[in-house]
C-alpha atoms as a PDB file:
ATOM      1  CA  VAL A   1     -13.958 -17.835  -8.667  1.00  0.00           C
ATOM      2  CA  LEU A   2     -14.574 -14.203  -9.620  1.00  0.00           C
ATOM      3  CA  LYS A   3     -17.380 -14.641 -12.130  1.00  0.00           C
ATOM      4  CA  GLY A   4     -19.970 -11.899 -11.824  1.00  0.00           C
ATOM      5  CA  VAL A   5     -17.948  -9.700  -9.462  1.00  0.00           C
ATOM      6  CA  GLU A   6     -18.690  -6.011  -9.829  1.00  0.00           C
ATOM      7  CA  LEU A   7     -16.974  -3.543  -7.554  1.00  0.00           C
ATOM      8  CA  GLU A   8     -16.564   0.215  -7.380  1.00  0.00           C
ATOM      9  CA  VAL A   9     -14.437   1.883  -4.708  1.00  0.00           C
ATOM     10  CA  PRO A  10     -15.116   5.627  -4.508  1.00  0.00           C
ATOM     11  CA  GLU A  11     -12.324   8.111  -3.795  1.00  0.00           C
ATOM     12  CA  GLY A  12     -11.832   8.818  -0.108  1.00  0.00           C
ATOM     13  CA  SER A  13     -13.403   5.587   1.063  1.00  0.00           C
ATOM     14  CA  VAL A  14     -12.415   2.322   2.655  1.00  0.00           C
ATOM     15  CA  TYR A  15     -13.861  -0.755   0.998  1.00  0.00           C
ATOM     16  CA  ALA A  16     -13.437  -4.165   2.596  1.00  0.00           C
ATOM     17  CA  LEU A  17     -13.395  -7.481   0.768  1.00  0.00           C
ATOM     18  CA  LEU A  18     -14.812 -10.067   3.124  1.00  0.00           C
ATOM     19  CA  GLY A  19     -15.248 -13.777   2.638  1.00  0.00           C
ATOM     20  CA  PRO A  20     -13.936 -17.159   3.656  1.00  0.00           C
ATOM     21  CA  ASN A  21     -10.568 -18.529   2.607  1.00  0.00           C
ATOM     22  CA  GLY A  22     -10.694 -19.493  -1.054  1.00  0.00           C
ATOM     23  CA  ALA A  23     -13.382 -16.947  -1.911  1.00  0.00           C
ATOM     24  CA  GLY A  24     -11.100 -15.110  -4.359  1.00  0.00           C
ATOM     25  CA  LYS A  25     -10.189 -12.005  -2.334  1.00  0.00           C
ATOM     26  CA  THR A  26      -6.450 -12.329  -2.949  1.00  0.00           C
ATOM     27  CA  THR A  27      -7.023 -13.224  -6.596  1.00  0.00           C
ATOM     28  CA  ALA A  28      -9.179 -10.116  -7.070  1.00  0.00           C
ATOM     29  CA  VAL A  29      -6.541  -7.872  -5.484  1.00  0.00           C
ATOM     30  CA  ASN A  30      -3.752  -9.503  -7.495  1.00  0.00           C
ATOM     31  CA  ILE A  31      -5.656  -8.920 -10.733  1.00  0.00           C
ATOM     32  CA  CYS A  32      -6.531  -5.315  -9.843  1.00  0.00           C
ATOM     33  CA  SER A  33      -2.913  -4.602  -8.939  1.00  0.00           C
ATOM     34  CA  THR A  34      -1.673  -6.185 -12.213  1.00  0.00           C
ATOM     35  CA  LEU A  35       0.106  -9.079 -10.492  1.00  0.00           C
ATOM     36  CA  LEU A  36      -2.175 -11.591 -12.241  1.00  0.00           C
ATOM     37  CA  THR A  37      -4.029 -11.491 -15.548  1.00  0.00           C
ATOM     38  CA  ALA A  38      -7.758 -12.128 -15.603  1.00  0.00           C
ATOM     39  CA  ASP A  39      -9.071 -14.911 -17.838  1.00  0.00           C
ATOM     40  CA  ALA A  40     -12.015 -12.777 -18.956  1.00  0.00           C
ATOM     41  CA  GLY A  41     -13.978  -9.658 -18.201  1.00  0.00           C
ATOM     42  CA  GLU A  42     -13.126  -5.998 -17.954  1.00  0.00           C
ATOM     43  CA  ILE A  43     -11.250  -4.515 -15.029  1.00  0.00           C
ATOM     44  CA  ARG A  44     -10.528  -0.827 -14.652  1.00  0.00           C
ATOM     45  CA  VAL A  45      -8.525   0.741 -11.866  1.00  0.00           C
ATOM     46  CA  ALA A  46      -8.637   4.544 -11.635  1.00  0.00           C
ATOM     47  CA  GLY A  47     -10.129   4.499 -15.119  1.00  0.00           C
ATOM     48  CA  TYR A  48      -7.311   2.427 -16.608  1.00  0.00           C
ATOM     49  CA  ASP A  49      -7.728  -1.012 -18.138  1.00  0.00           C
ATOM     50  CA  VAL A  50      -5.515  -3.434 -16.207  1.00  0.00           C
ATOM     51  CA  ARG A  51      -4.737  -5.434 -19.376  1.00  0.00           C
ATOM     52  CA  THR A  52      -3.828  -2.679 -21.788  1.00  0.00           C
ATOM     53  CA  GLN A  53      -2.780   0.117 -19.414  1.00  0.00           C
ATOM     54  CA  ALA A  54      -0.972  -1.776 -16.655  1.00  0.00           C
ATOM     55  CA  ASP A  55       1.791   0.840 -16.342  1.00  0.00           C
ATOM     56  CA  GLN A  56      -0.765   3.589 -15.690  1.00  0.00           C
ATOM     57  CA  VAL A  57      -2.517   1.364 -13.121  1.00  0.00           C
ATOM     58  CA  ARG A  58       0.778   0.759 -11.319  1.00  0.00           C
ATOM     59  CA  ARG A  59       1.472   4.508 -11.184  1.00  0.00           C
ATOM     60  CA  THR A  60      -1.912   5.030  -9.531  1.00  0.00           C
ATOM     61  CA  ILE A  61      -1.849   2.337  -6.848  1.00  0.00           C
ATOM     62  CA  GLY A  62       0.079   1.352  -3.769  1.00  0.00           C
ATOM     63  CA  VAL A  63       0.162  -2.111  -2.239  1.00  0.00           C
ATOM     64  CA  THR A  64       0.929  -2.985   1.372  1.00  0.00           C
ATOM     65  CA  GLY A  65       0.919  -6.745   1.610  1.00  0.00           C
ATOM     66  CA  GLN A  66       0.600  -9.115   4.509  1.00  0.00           C
ATOM     67  CA  PHE A  67       4.347  -9.664   4.366  1.00  0.00           C
ATOM     68  CA  SER A  68       6.744  -6.755   4.328  1.00  0.00           C
ATOM     69  CA  ALA A  69       8.270  -5.661   1.027  1.00  0.00           C
ATOM     70  CA  ILE A  70      11.275  -3.987   2.629  1.00  0.00           C
ATOM     71  CA  ASP A  71      14.841  -5.007   1.887  1.00  0.00           C
ATOM     72  CA  GLU A  72      16.310  -5.609   5.328  1.00  0.00           C
ATOM     73  CA  PHE A  73      19.890  -5.181   4.082  1.00  0.00           C
ATOM     74  CA  HIS A  74      19.175  -1.596   3.051  1.00  0.00           C
ATOM     75  CA  THR A  75      18.589   1.331   5.362  1.00  0.00           C
ATOM     76  CA  GLY A  76      15.153   2.841   5.786  1.00  0.00           C
ATOM     77  CA  ARG A  77      16.187   5.759   3.608  1.00  0.00           C
ATOM     78  CA  GLU A  78      17.564   3.421   0.909  1.00  0.00           C
ATOM     79  CA  ASN A  79      14.298   1.453   0.851  1.00  0.00           C
ATOM     80  CA  LEU A  80      12.351   4.672   0.321  1.00  0.00           C
ATOM     81  CA  LYS A  81      14.860   5.840  -2.307  1.00  0.00           C
ATOM     82  CA  LEU A  82      14.358   2.603  -4.212  1.00  0.00           C
ATOM     83  CA  MET A  83      10.610   3.218  -4.260  1.00  0.00           C
ATOM     84  CA  ALA A  84      11.179   6.811  -5.385  1.00  0.00           C
ATOM     85  CA  ASP A  85      13.312   5.496  -8.262  1.00  0.00           C
ATOM     86  CA  LEU A  86      10.647   2.949  -9.188  1.00  0.00           C
ATOM     87  CA  ASN A  87       8.079   5.760  -9.171  1.00  0.00           C
ATOM     88  CA  HIS A  88      10.345   7.893 -11.421  1.00  0.00           C
ATOM     89  CA  LEU A  89      10.553  10.794  -8.970  1.00  0.00           C
ATOM     90  CA  ASP A  90      13.238  13.312  -9.813  1.00  0.00           C
ATOM     91  CA  ARG A  91      16.062  13.636  -7.293  1.00  0.00           C
ATOM     92  CA  GLY A  92      14.786  16.811  -5.603  1.00  0.00           C
ATOM     93  CA  ARG A  93      11.202  15.592  -5.275  1.00  0.00           C
ATOM     94  CA  ALA A  94      12.418  12.190  -4.051  1.00  0.00           C
ATOM     95  CA  LYS A  95      14.482  13.774  -1.263  1.00  0.00           C
ATOM     96  CA  THR A  96      11.533  15.910  -0.140  1.00  0.00           C
ATOM     97  CA  VAL A  97       9.078  12.978  -0.167  1.00  0.00           C
ATOM     98  CA  ILE A  98      11.510  10.647   1.615  1.00  0.00           C
ATOM     99  CA  ASP A  99      12.282  13.195   4.339  1.00  0.00           C
ATOM    100  CA  GLU A 100       8.555  13.887   4.853  1.00  0.00           C
ATOM    101  CA  LEU A 101       7.708  10.190   5.094  1.00  0.00           C
ATOM    102  CA  LEU A 102      10.560   9.442   7.490  1.00  0.00           C
ATOM    103  CA  GLU A 103       9.308  12.217   9.797  1.00  0.00           C
ATOM    104  CA  ARG A 104       5.654  11.299   9.445  1.00  0.00           C
ATOM    105  CA  PHE A 105       6.296   7.637  10.246  1.00  0.00           C
ATOM    106  CA  GLU A 106       8.698   8.480  13.085  1.00  0.00           C
ATOM    107  CA  LEU A 107      11.620   6.811  11.321  1.00  0.00           C
ATOM    108  CA  ALA A 108      13.910   9.812  10.818  1.00  0.00           C
ATOM    109  CA  ASP A 109      16.247   8.845  13.672  1.00  0.00           C
ATOM    110  CA  ALA A 110      16.600   5.319  12.276  1.00  0.00           C
ATOM    111  CA  ALA A 111      16.763   6.294   8.587  1.00  0.00           C
ATOM    112  CA  GLY A 112      20.476   5.476   8.299  1.00  0.00           C
ATOM    113  CA  ARG A 113      20.229   2.073   9.975  1.00  0.00           C
ATOM    114  CA  ARG A 114      19.699  -1.186   8.137  1.00  0.00           C
ATOM    115  CA  ALA A 115      16.059  -2.220   8.256  1.00  0.00           C
ATOM    116  CA  GLN A 116      17.047  -5.572   9.786  1.00  0.00           C
ATOM    117  CA  THR A 117      17.704  -3.645  13.033  1.00  0.00           C
ATOM    118  CA  TYR A 118      14.150  -2.216  13.083  1.00  0.00           C
ATOM    119  CA  SER A 119      11.450  -3.461  15.425  1.00  0.00           C
ATOM    120  CA  GLY A 120       8.384  -5.146  13.905  1.00  0.00           C
ATOM    121  CA  GLY A 121       6.391  -1.932  14.217  1.00  0.00           C
ATOM    122  CA  MET A 122       9.109   0.111  12.555  1.00  0.00           C
ATOM    123  CA  LYS A 123       9.254  -2.352   9.654  1.00  0.00           C
ATOM    124  CA  ARG A 124       5.482  -2.142   9.121  1.00  0.00           C
ATOM    125  CA  ARG A 125       5.613   1.674   9.218  1.00  0.00           C
ATOM    126  CA  LEU A 126       8.465   1.633   6.695  1.00  0.00           C
ATOM    127  CA  ASP A 127       6.460  -0.749   4.511  1.00  0.00           C
ATOM    128  CA  LEU A 128       3.462   1.590   4.512  1.00  0.00           C
ATOM    129  CA  ALA A 129       5.719   4.609   3.918  1.00  0.00           C
ATOM    130  CA  MET A 130       7.135   2.805   0.866  1.00  0.00           C
ATOM    131  CA  THR A 131       3.584   2.348  -0.402  1.00  0.00           C
ATOM    132  CA  LEU A 132       2.982   6.098  -0.159  1.00  0.00           C
ATOM    133  CA  VAL A 133       6.144   7.287  -1.949  1.00  0.00           C
ATOM    134  CA  GLY A 134       4.359   7.518  -5.302  1.00  0.00           C
ATOM    135  CA  SER A 135       1.265   9.305  -3.870  1.00  0.00           C
ATOM    136  CA  PRO A 136      -1.142   6.520  -4.853  1.00  0.00           C
ATOM    137  CA  ARG A 137      -4.834   7.277  -5.336  1.00  0.00           C
ATOM    138  CA  LEU A 138      -5.791   3.694  -4.422  1.00  0.00           C
ATOM    139  CA  ILE A 139      -4.100   1.614  -1.749  1.00  0.00           C
ATOM    140  CA  PHE A 140      -4.505  -2.137  -1.435  1.00  0.00           C
ATOM    141  CA  LEU A 141      -4.050  -3.306   2.164  1.00  0.00           C
ATOM    142  CA  ASP A 142      -3.564  -6.913   3.199  1.00  0.00           C
ATOM    143  CA  GLU A 143      -3.329  -7.335   6.969  1.00  0.00           C
ATOM    144  CA  PRO A 144      -1.237  -4.184   7.432  1.00  0.00           C
ATOM    145  CA  THR A 145      -1.225  -4.448  11.232  1.00  0.00           C
ATOM    146  CA  THR A 146       0.351  -7.910  11.359  1.00  0.00           C
ATOM    147  CA  GLY A 147       3.021  -7.833  14.050  1.00  0.00           C
ATOM    148  CA  LEU A 148       2.107  -4.395  15.387  1.00  0.00           C
ATOM    149  CA  GLY A 149       1.502  -3.546  19.024  1.00  0.00           C
ATOM    150  CA  PRO A 150      -1.499  -1.440  20.122  1.00  0.00           C
ATOM    151  CA  ARG A 151       0.309   1.926  19.841  1.00  0.00           C
ATOM    152  CA  SER A 152       1.731   1.213  16.383  1.00  0.00           C
ATOM    153  CA  ARG A 153      -1.657  -0.102  15.288  1.00  0.00           C
ATOM    154  CA  ARG A 154      -3.348   3.166  16.310  1.00  0.00           C
ATOM    155  CA  GLU A 155      -0.650   5.178  14.514  1.00  0.00           C
ATOM    156  CA  LEU A 156      -1.102   3.140  11.348  1.00  0.00           C
ATOM    157  CA  TRP A 157      -4.890   3.663  11.405  1.00  0.00           C
ATOM    158  CA  GLN A 158      -4.362   7.387  11.881  1.00  0.00           C
ATOM    159  CA  ILE A 159      -2.167   7.473   8.778  1.00  0.00           C
ATOM    160  CA  VAL A 160      -4.785   5.522   6.811  1.00  0.00           C
ATOM    161  CA  ARG A 161      -7.488   7.966   8.010  1.00  0.00           C
ATOM    162  CA  GLU A 162      -5.360  10.875   6.783  1.00  0.00           C
ATOM    163  CA  GLN A 163      -4.975   9.228   3.382  1.00  0.00           C
ATOM    164  CA  VAL A 164      -8.735   8.656   3.118  1.00  0.00           C
ATOM    165  CA  ALA A 165      -9.416  12.271   4.151  1.00  0.00           C
ATOM    166  CA  ASP A 166      -7.077  13.304   1.326  1.00  0.00           C
ATOM    167  CA  GLY A 167      -9.252  11.429  -1.175  1.00  0.00           C
ATOM    168  CA  VAL A 168      -7.256   8.195  -1.374  1.00  0.00           C
ATOM    169  CA  ALA A 169      -9.376   5.059  -1.729  1.00  0.00           C
ATOM    170  CA  VAL A 170      -8.422   2.014   0.331  1.00  0.00           C
ATOM    171  CA  LEU A 171      -9.306  -1.506  -0.718  1.00  0.00           C
ATOM    172  CA  ASP A 172      -8.858  -3.715   2.297  1.00  0.00           C
ATOM    173  CA  HIS A 173      -8.294  -7.331   1.388  1.00  0.00           C
ATOM    174  CA  ASP A 174      -9.640  -8.803   4.607  1.00  0.00           C
ATOM    175  CA  GLY A 175     -11.645  -6.142   6.394  1.00  0.00           C
ATOM    176  CA  VAL A 176      -9.033  -5.350   9.047  1.00  0.00           C
ATOM    177  CA  ALA A 177      -8.743  -1.684   8.032  1.00  0.00           C
ATOM    178  CA  ARG A 178     -12.483  -1.245   8.141  1.00  0.00           C
ATOM    179  CA  ARG A 179     -12.550  -2.515  11.721  1.00  0.00           C
ATOM    180  CA  GLY A 180      -9.556  -0.342  12.649  1.00  0.00           C
ATOM    181  CA  LEU A 181     -11.165   2.835  11.366  1.00  0.00           C
END
């Protein structure tokens, strides 16, 4: 499916993968994010080989999937803390990053509540905040606005714009981000 694919996503840009169902978009993203192994070829993400340097690739990327990765039995703060632990942030840095993200995503007031009590928009914002805990240089987006109302959608695009302005590259699995920006 991916034979002959060549792709370069410059820093501070949004790149959309477009194509019909079955074209290999999800497969390409899964390989680039180290969730699948390619049968052949060379794939580098942020200069790292996805086969031999998968840990370095994972430290460089963030993934916001079509379906939320939050644990609804944990609070918003606990979900972010889990991501900070997975990103090996020290305790002080983790607290600072978590507090900043909760404020930025307008979740500070709900930080101590279980995520299962969050609205759909709050869950999507928490999901994106979790993606940003490790300060990724490349973000993979897959239908990030699923379930969001117009206001939350605009807020999400503003956050993505800020990331791009900061030099983060965005690889949009289905072109939704490109249309939103």
